[in-house]
N, C-alpha and C. Protein backbone atom coordinates (compact mmCIF):
# COMPACT_ATOMS: atom_id res chain seq x y z
N MET A 1 18.74 6.98 -10.74
CA MET A 1 17.70 6.73 -9.69
C MET A 1 18.34 5.51 -9.22
N SER A 2 18.31 5.47 -7.95
CA SER A 2 18.51 3.99 -6.93
C SER A 2 17.52 3.16 -7.30
N PRO A 3 17.61 1.81 -7.12
CA PRO A 3 16.52 0.90 -7.12
C PRO A 3 15.50 1.18 -5.98
N GLU A 4 16.17 1.76 -4.89
CA GLU A 4 15.43 2.03 -3.61
C GLU A 4 14.22 2.95 -3.97
N LEU A 5 14.89 4.14 -4.59
CA LEU A 5 13.90 5.18 -4.93
C LEU A 5 12.88 4.76 -6.18
N TYR A 6 13.49 3.89 -7.03
CA TYR A 6 12.45 3.55 -8.04
C TYR A 6 11.32 2.89 -7.53
N TRP A 7 11.48 1.69 -6.63
CA TRP A 7 10.72 1.06 -5.95
C TRP A 7 9.48 2.03 -4.99
N LEU A 8 10.15 2.96 -4.41
CA LEU A 8 9.28 3.99 -3.74
C LEU A 8 8.51 4.71 -4.65
N THR A 9 9.02 5.02 -5.74
CA THR A 9 8.17 5.81 -6.67
C THR A 9 6.94 4.95 -7.20
N LEU A 10 7.35 3.78 -7.59
CA LEU A 10 6.02 2.97 -8.08
C LEU A 10 5.17 2.66 -6.87
N THR A 11 5.63 2.28 -5.62
CA THR A 11 4.60 2.12 -4.56
C THR A 11 3.81 3.31 -4.23
N THR A 12 4.59 4.57 -4.35
CA THR A 12 3.65 5.71 -4.18
C THR A 12 2.57 6.08 -5.26
N ILE A 13 2.86 5.80 -6.47
CA ILE A 13 2.00 5.98 -7.52
C ILE A 13 1.06 4.92 -7.33
N MET A 14 1.36 3.66 -7.17
CA MET A 14 0.33 2.82 -6.94
C MET A 14 -0.66 3.03 -5.70
N THR A 15 -0.09 3.20 -4.81
CA THR A 15 -0.93 3.58 -3.58
C THR A 15 -1.85 4.77 -3.96
N GLY A 16 -1.30 5.65 -4.48
CA GLY A 16 -2.14 6.98 -4.89
C GLY A 16 -3.12 6.64 -5.85
N LEU A 17 -3.22 5.39 -6.53
CA LEU A 17 -4.24 5.12 -7.32
C LEU A 17 -5.44 4.17 -6.81
N PHE A 18 -4.97 3.64 -5.74
CA PHE A 18 -5.91 2.56 -5.01
C PHE A 18 -7.29 3.01 -4.73
N TRP A 19 -7.60 4.15 -4.66
CA TRP A 19 -8.96 4.87 -4.53
C TRP A 19 -9.75 4.71 -5.57
N VAL A 20 -9.28 4.49 -6.93
CA VAL A 20 -9.91 4.74 -8.11
C VAL A 20 -11.08 3.65 -8.10
N PRO A 21 -10.88 2.44 -8.00
CA PRO A 21 -12.12 1.42 -8.10
C PRO A 21 -13.04 1.68 -6.96
N TYR A 22 -12.77 1.86 -5.70
CA TYR A 22 -13.95 2.02 -4.73
C TYR A 22 -14.54 3.49 -5.00
N ILE A 23 -14.14 4.30 -5.75
CA ILE A 23 -14.69 5.58 -5.91
C ILE A 23 -15.74 5.33 -7.17
N LEU A 24 -15.14 4.46 -7.94
CA LEU A 24 -16.25 4.06 -9.10
C LEU A 24 -17.32 3.32 -8.66
N ASP A 25 -17.16 2.30 -7.43
CA ASP A 25 -18.15 1.74 -6.95
C ASP A 25 -19.18 2.55 -6.24
N ARG A 26 -18.72 3.52 -5.68
CA ARG A 26 -19.44 4.65 -4.92
C ARG A 26 -20.45 5.40 -6.04
N ILE A 27 -19.86 5.76 -7.23
CA ILE A 27 -20.68 6.32 -8.22
C ILE A 27 -21.67 5.45 -8.76
N ALA A 28 -21.47 4.03 -8.90
CA ALA A 28 -22.37 3.13 -9.32
C ALA A 28 -23.32 2.80 -8.28
N VAL A 29 -23.09 2.81 -6.86
CA VAL A 29 -23.97 2.57 -5.96
C VAL A 29 -24.86 3.69 -5.51
N ARG A 30 -24.39 4.72 -5.58
CA ARG A 30 -25.15 6.15 -4.88
C ARG A 30 -25.40 7.06 -6.18
N GLY A 31 -24.76 6.84 -7.36
CA GLY A 31 -25.07 7.89 -8.42
C GLY A 31 -23.99 9.10 -8.34
N LEU A 32 -23.58 9.79 -9.26
CA LEU A 32 -22.78 10.59 -9.31
C LEU A 32 -22.67 11.85 -8.35
N ARG A 33 -23.87 12.48 -8.38
CA ARG A 33 -24.15 13.51 -7.61
C ARG A 33 -23.92 13.14 -5.87
N LYS A 34 -24.67 12.04 -5.72
CA LYS A 34 -24.53 11.54 -4.28
C LYS A 34 -23.19 11.15 -3.82
N ALA A 35 -22.20 10.55 -4.97
CA ALA A 35 -20.71 10.16 -4.70
C ALA A 35 -20.11 11.53 -4.37
N MET A 36 -20.48 12.77 -4.82
CA MET A 36 -19.46 13.83 -4.77
C MET A 36 -19.95 14.69 -3.41
N GLU A 37 -20.93 14.08 -2.89
CA GLU A 37 -21.27 15.07 -1.50
C GLU A 37 -20.50 14.28 -0.42
N TYR A 38 -20.75 15.04 0.84
CA TYR A 38 -20.04 14.33 2.04
C TYR A 38 -20.95 13.25 2.51
N PRO A 39 -20.15 12.11 2.83
CA PRO A 39 -20.81 10.88 2.93
C PRO A 39 -21.61 11.01 4.33
N LYS A 40 -22.80 10.41 4.35
CA LYS A 40 -23.70 10.47 5.64
C LYS A 40 -23.99 9.09 5.94
N ALA A 41 -24.58 8.94 7.28
CA ALA A 41 -24.74 7.60 7.70
C ALA A 41 -25.83 7.07 6.93
N SER A 42 -26.91 8.00 6.40
CA SER A 42 -27.96 7.29 5.76
C SER A 42 -27.80 6.93 4.07
N ASP A 43 -26.34 7.10 3.77
CA ASP A 43 -26.04 6.68 2.28
C ASP A 43 -26.17 5.31 2.25
N LYS A 44 -26.35 4.59 1.11
CA LYS A 44 -26.37 3.21 0.62
C LYS A 44 -25.11 2.95 0.85
N PRO A 45 -24.72 1.65 1.45
CA PRO A 45 -23.54 1.15 1.66
C PRO A 45 -22.95 0.74 0.41
N GLN A 46 -21.50 1.00 0.23
CA GLN A 46 -20.83 0.62 -0.82
C GLN A 46 -20.91 -0.96 -0.92
N SER A 47 -20.48 -1.41 -2.01
CA SER A 47 -20.33 -2.97 -2.27
C SER A 47 -19.30 -3.56 -1.13
N PRO A 48 -19.39 -4.74 -0.60
CA PRO A 48 -18.48 -5.18 0.33
C PRO A 48 -17.00 -5.22 -0.20
N TRP A 49 -16.76 -5.66 -1.44
CA TRP A 49 -15.35 -5.58 -2.11
C TRP A 49 -14.75 -4.03 -1.94
N ALA A 50 -15.60 -3.09 -2.26
CA ALA A 50 -15.20 -1.68 -2.06
C ALA A 50 -14.81 -1.13 -0.74
N GLN A 51 -15.64 -1.74 0.15
CA GLN A 51 -15.30 -1.63 1.53
C GLN A 51 -14.09 -2.14 1.94
N ARG A 52 -13.89 -3.18 1.54
CA ARG A 52 -12.48 -3.84 1.74
C ARG A 52 -11.28 -3.32 1.15
N GLN A 53 -11.56 -2.56 -0.07
CA GLN A 53 -10.50 -1.70 -0.78
C GLN A 53 -10.35 -0.52 0.04
N MET A 54 -11.32 0.14 0.51
CA MET A 54 -11.13 1.40 1.33
C MET A 54 -10.19 1.25 2.49
N ARG A 55 -10.41 0.15 3.09
CA ARG A 55 -9.47 -0.27 4.48
C ARG A 55 -8.21 -0.74 3.67
N ALA A 56 -8.00 -1.46 2.60
CA ALA A 56 -6.67 -1.94 2.22
C ALA A 56 -6.08 -0.43 1.93
N HIS A 57 -6.78 0.42 1.28
CA HIS A 57 -5.96 1.84 0.83
C HIS A 57 -5.61 2.36 2.09
N LYS A 58 -6.44 2.50 2.99
CA LYS A 58 -5.98 3.34 4.23
C LYS A 58 -4.71 2.51 4.78
N ASN A 59 -4.57 1.17 4.81
CA ASN A 59 -3.56 0.46 5.38
C ASN A 59 -2.33 0.61 4.45
N ALA A 60 -2.44 0.99 3.28
CA ALA A 60 -1.36 1.09 2.39
C ALA A 60 -0.68 2.48 2.62
N ILE A 61 -1.61 3.35 2.80
CA ILE A 61 -1.16 4.74 3.05
C ILE A 61 -0.21 4.74 4.40
N GLU A 62 -0.91 4.16 5.23
CA GLU A 62 -0.27 3.95 6.71
C GLU A 62 1.17 3.34 6.72
N ASN A 63 1.31 2.31 5.98
CA ASN A 63 2.52 1.69 5.52
C ASN A 63 3.45 2.59 4.74
N LEU A 64 2.93 3.15 3.77
CA LEU A 64 3.80 3.88 2.84
C LEU A 64 4.50 4.97 3.69
N VAL A 65 4.04 5.37 4.61
CA VAL A 65 4.67 6.45 5.34
C VAL A 65 6.10 5.79 6.13
N LEU A 66 5.94 4.56 6.56
CA LEU A 66 7.22 3.98 7.04
C LEU A 66 8.16 3.46 6.01
N PHE A 67 7.53 2.96 5.02
CA PHE A 67 8.31 2.55 3.69
C PHE A 67 9.29 3.77 3.34
N ALA A 68 8.46 4.79 3.02
CA ALA A 68 9.22 6.21 2.50
C ALA A 68 10.37 6.45 3.44
N ALA A 69 10.10 6.43 4.91
CA ALA A 69 11.00 7.02 5.80
C ALA A 69 12.19 6.10 5.70
N LEU A 70 12.17 4.70 5.78
CA LEU A 70 13.30 3.81 5.60
C LEU A 70 14.02 3.98 4.30
N VAL A 71 13.07 4.08 3.22
CA VAL A 71 14.01 4.34 1.82
C VAL A 71 14.64 5.53 1.82
N LEU A 72 14.25 6.77 2.37
CA LEU A 72 14.74 7.79 2.39
C LEU A 72 15.80 8.06 3.29
N THR A 73 15.81 7.37 4.38
CA THR A 73 16.89 7.16 5.22
C THR A 73 18.17 6.47 4.68
N LEU A 74 17.87 5.36 4.01
CA LEU A 74 18.79 4.75 3.48
C LEU A 74 19.48 5.44 2.59
N ARG A 75 18.81 6.37 1.72
CA ARG A 75 19.29 7.20 0.54
C ARG A 75 20.12 8.29 1.15
N ALA A 76 19.87 8.92 2.21
CA ALA A 76 20.55 9.89 3.01
C ALA A 76 21.91 9.46 3.48
N LEU A 77 21.74 8.21 4.02
CA LEU A 77 23.13 7.57 4.49
C LEU A 77 24.07 6.83 3.43
N GLY A 78 23.22 6.92 2.15
CA GLY A 78 24.09 6.18 1.14
C GLY A 78 24.17 4.77 0.99
N ILE A 79 23.26 4.16 1.62
CA ILE A 79 23.32 2.90 1.42
C ILE A 79 22.32 2.26 0.41
N SER A 80 22.98 1.44 -0.42
CA SER A 80 21.90 0.67 -1.58
C SER A 80 22.93 -0.53 -2.03
N THR A 81 22.19 -1.68 -1.42
CA THR A 81 22.68 -2.82 -1.74
C THR A 81 21.53 -3.74 -2.55
N ALA A 82 22.17 -5.15 -2.90
CA ALA A 82 21.14 -5.83 -3.43
C ALA A 82 20.23 -6.22 -2.63
N THR A 83 20.38 -6.43 -1.27
CA THR A 83 19.54 -6.79 -0.34
C THR A 83 18.44 -5.68 -0.15
N THR A 84 18.84 -4.40 -0.06
CA THR A 84 17.88 -3.33 0.00
C THR A 84 17.09 -3.16 -1.13
N ALA A 85 17.51 -3.29 -2.28
CA ALA A 85 16.80 -3.17 -3.60
C ALA A 85 15.85 -4.46 -3.57
N LEU A 86 16.18 -5.33 -3.37
CA LEU A 86 15.33 -6.55 -3.34
C LEU A 86 14.34 -6.37 -2.30
N ALA A 87 14.41 -6.07 -1.11
CA ALA A 87 13.50 -5.69 -0.10
C ALA A 87 12.58 -4.46 -0.53
N CYS A 88 12.88 -3.78 -1.23
CA CYS A 88 11.87 -2.74 -1.81
C CYS A 88 11.07 -3.06 -2.91
N ALA A 89 11.50 -4.07 -3.61
CA ALA A 89 10.76 -4.61 -4.69
C ALA A 89 9.80 -5.64 -4.31
N VAL A 90 10.06 -6.44 -3.10
CA VAL A 90 9.33 -7.30 -2.31
C VAL A 90 8.19 -6.61 -1.55
N TYR A 91 8.63 -5.34 -1.10
CA TYR A 91 7.47 -4.67 -0.49
C TYR A 91 6.33 -4.19 -1.52
N PHE A 92 6.83 -3.73 -2.60
CA PHE A 92 5.87 -3.18 -3.78
C PHE A 92 4.84 -4.21 -4.11
N TRP A 93 5.33 -5.74 -4.37
CA TRP A 93 4.69 -6.68 -4.79
C TRP A 93 3.72 -7.21 -3.70
N ALA A 94 4.27 -7.23 -2.43
CA ALA A 94 3.52 -7.45 -1.17
C ALA A 94 2.35 -6.48 -0.95
N ARG A 95 2.42 -5.31 -1.29
CA ARG A 95 1.47 -4.20 -0.93
C ARG A 95 0.48 -4.47 -2.01
N LEU A 96 0.91 -4.69 -3.35
CA LEU A 96 -0.03 -4.99 -4.47
C LEU A 96 -1.01 -6.04 -4.20
N ALA A 97 -0.16 -7.37 -3.78
CA ALA A 97 -0.95 -8.59 -3.23
C ALA A 97 -1.85 -8.32 -2.14
N HIS A 98 -1.47 -7.64 -1.31
CA HIS A 98 -2.50 -7.23 -0.10
C HIS A 98 -3.75 -6.48 -0.50
N PHE A 99 -3.47 -5.46 -1.27
CA PHE A 99 -4.79 -4.99 -1.84
C PHE A 99 -5.62 -5.76 -2.70
N LEU A 100 -5.14 -6.56 -3.52
CA LEU A 100 -5.91 -7.44 -4.30
C LEU A 100 -6.53 -8.55 -3.42
N ILE A 101 -5.93 -8.83 -2.44
CA ILE A 101 -6.27 -10.23 -1.61
C ILE A 101 -7.46 -9.65 -0.78
N CYS A 102 -7.11 -8.45 -0.30
CA CYS A 102 -8.30 -7.74 0.50
C CYS A 102 -9.57 -7.65 -0.31
N THR A 103 -9.56 -7.23 -1.48
CA THR A 103 -10.48 -6.87 -2.33
C THR A 103 -11.28 -8.37 -2.62
N ALA A 104 -10.52 -9.43 -2.99
CA ALA A 104 -11.14 -10.62 -2.79
C ALA A 104 -11.66 -11.20 -1.64
N GLY A 105 -11.30 -10.59 -0.53
CA GLY A 105 -11.84 -11.12 0.85
C GLY A 105 -11.35 -12.35 1.30
N ILE A 106 -9.94 -12.54 1.05
CA ILE A 106 -9.38 -13.74 1.55
C ILE A 106 -8.55 -13.61 2.57
N PRO A 107 -9.03 -13.70 4.07
CA PRO A 107 -8.24 -13.40 5.31
C PRO A 107 -7.09 -13.92 5.52
N VAL A 108 -6.92 -15.16 5.40
CA VAL A 108 -5.38 -15.37 5.74
C VAL A 108 -4.38 -15.27 4.84
N ALA A 109 -4.70 -15.08 3.50
CA ALA A 109 -3.65 -14.52 2.66
C ALA A 109 -3.52 -13.24 2.66
N ARG A 110 -4.56 -12.40 3.32
CA ARG A 110 -4.31 -11.03 3.37
C ARG A 110 -3.32 -10.69 4.47
N THR A 111 -3.33 -11.62 5.47
CA THR A 111 -2.45 -11.48 6.60
C THR A 111 -0.94 -11.92 6.23
N LEU A 112 -0.76 -12.85 5.37
CA LEU A 112 0.53 -13.22 4.84
C LEU A 112 1.03 -12.30 4.06
N ALA A 113 0.21 -11.47 3.05
CA ALA A 113 0.90 -10.38 2.03
C ALA A 113 1.26 -9.35 3.18
N PHE A 114 0.35 -9.04 4.09
CA PHE A 114 0.92 -7.83 4.92
C PHE A 114 2.11 -8.37 5.80
N ALA A 115 2.16 -9.55 6.11
CA ALA A 115 3.59 -9.93 6.95
C ALA A 115 4.63 -10.06 5.91
N VAL A 116 4.61 -10.30 4.83
CA VAL A 116 5.66 -10.18 3.78
C VAL A 116 6.11 -8.68 3.65
N GLY A 117 5.14 -7.75 3.40
CA GLY A 117 5.51 -6.40 3.36
C GLY A 117 6.28 -5.69 4.72
N PHE A 118 5.76 -6.35 5.78
CA PHE A 118 6.33 -6.03 7.09
C PHE A 118 7.86 -6.35 7.21
N ALA A 119 7.95 -7.67 6.70
CA ALA A 119 9.31 -8.33 6.75
C ALA A 119 10.52 -7.43 5.70
N ALA A 120 9.85 -6.98 4.62
CA ALA A 120 10.74 -6.25 3.81
C ALA A 120 11.08 -4.94 4.45
N GLN A 121 10.15 -4.27 5.32
CA GLN A 121 10.41 -3.08 5.84
C GLN A 121 11.61 -3.32 7.03
N ALA A 122 11.31 -4.46 7.79
CA ALA A 122 12.36 -4.93 8.59
C ALA A 122 13.87 -5.03 8.31
N VAL A 123 13.86 -5.56 6.98
CA VAL A 123 15.06 -5.67 6.28
C VAL A 123 15.70 -4.31 6.00
N LEU A 124 14.93 -3.39 5.56
CA LEU A 124 15.54 -1.91 5.40
C LEU A 124 15.76 -1.45 6.74
N ALA A 125 15.09 -1.48 7.71
CA ALA A 125 15.52 -0.86 9.13
C ALA A 125 16.88 -1.70 9.47
N LEU A 126 16.90 -2.93 9.31
CA LEU A 126 18.23 -3.53 9.74
C LEU A 126 19.46 -3.16 9.01
N ALA A 127 19.11 -2.85 7.57
CA ALA A 127 20.15 -2.39 6.79
C ALA A 127 20.71 -0.93 7.32
N ILE A 128 19.73 -0.04 7.88
CA ILE A 128 20.18 1.23 8.22
C ILE A 128 21.13 0.92 9.45
N PHE A 129 20.93 0.00 10.28
CA PHE A 129 21.86 -0.20 11.26
C PHE A 129 23.16 -1.21 10.76
N LYS A 130 23.03 -1.39 9.74
CA LYS A 130 24.28 -2.28 9.06
C LYS A 130 24.27 -3.92 9.70
N LEU A 131 23.03 -4.04 9.85
CA LEU A 131 22.54 -5.54 10.69
C LEU A 131 22.43 -6.49 9.44
N VAL A 132 22.31 -5.94 8.15
CA VAL A 132 22.19 -7.12 7.09
C VAL A 132 22.96 -6.77 5.95
């Protein structure tokens, strides 16, 4: 397995697990039965940290689509360099940091973590066009 596919796999698994804490909060706030129903406007709001996690999870899913497309394009083109491997690792850690920072509610750090992940995606895009 190439390093890029390794980091894509880890990122996919991580993103797939991001929902667990905020669902546990939903159960704690609303009870198990209410947590399994379709959400209603009259439901008790979740904890602020869980609401931020839900937004961070959605953002992670949106960006995973782009990251995966870039990694799979690199793979299809047979491009795997130290730079692309590093960019994939940086993307993984930036997304984990973004999720944790969003949970903690630290606005400036959240934006910086997002920007680092975006820069890692930009490096992958540039590698596809052999510009790095």
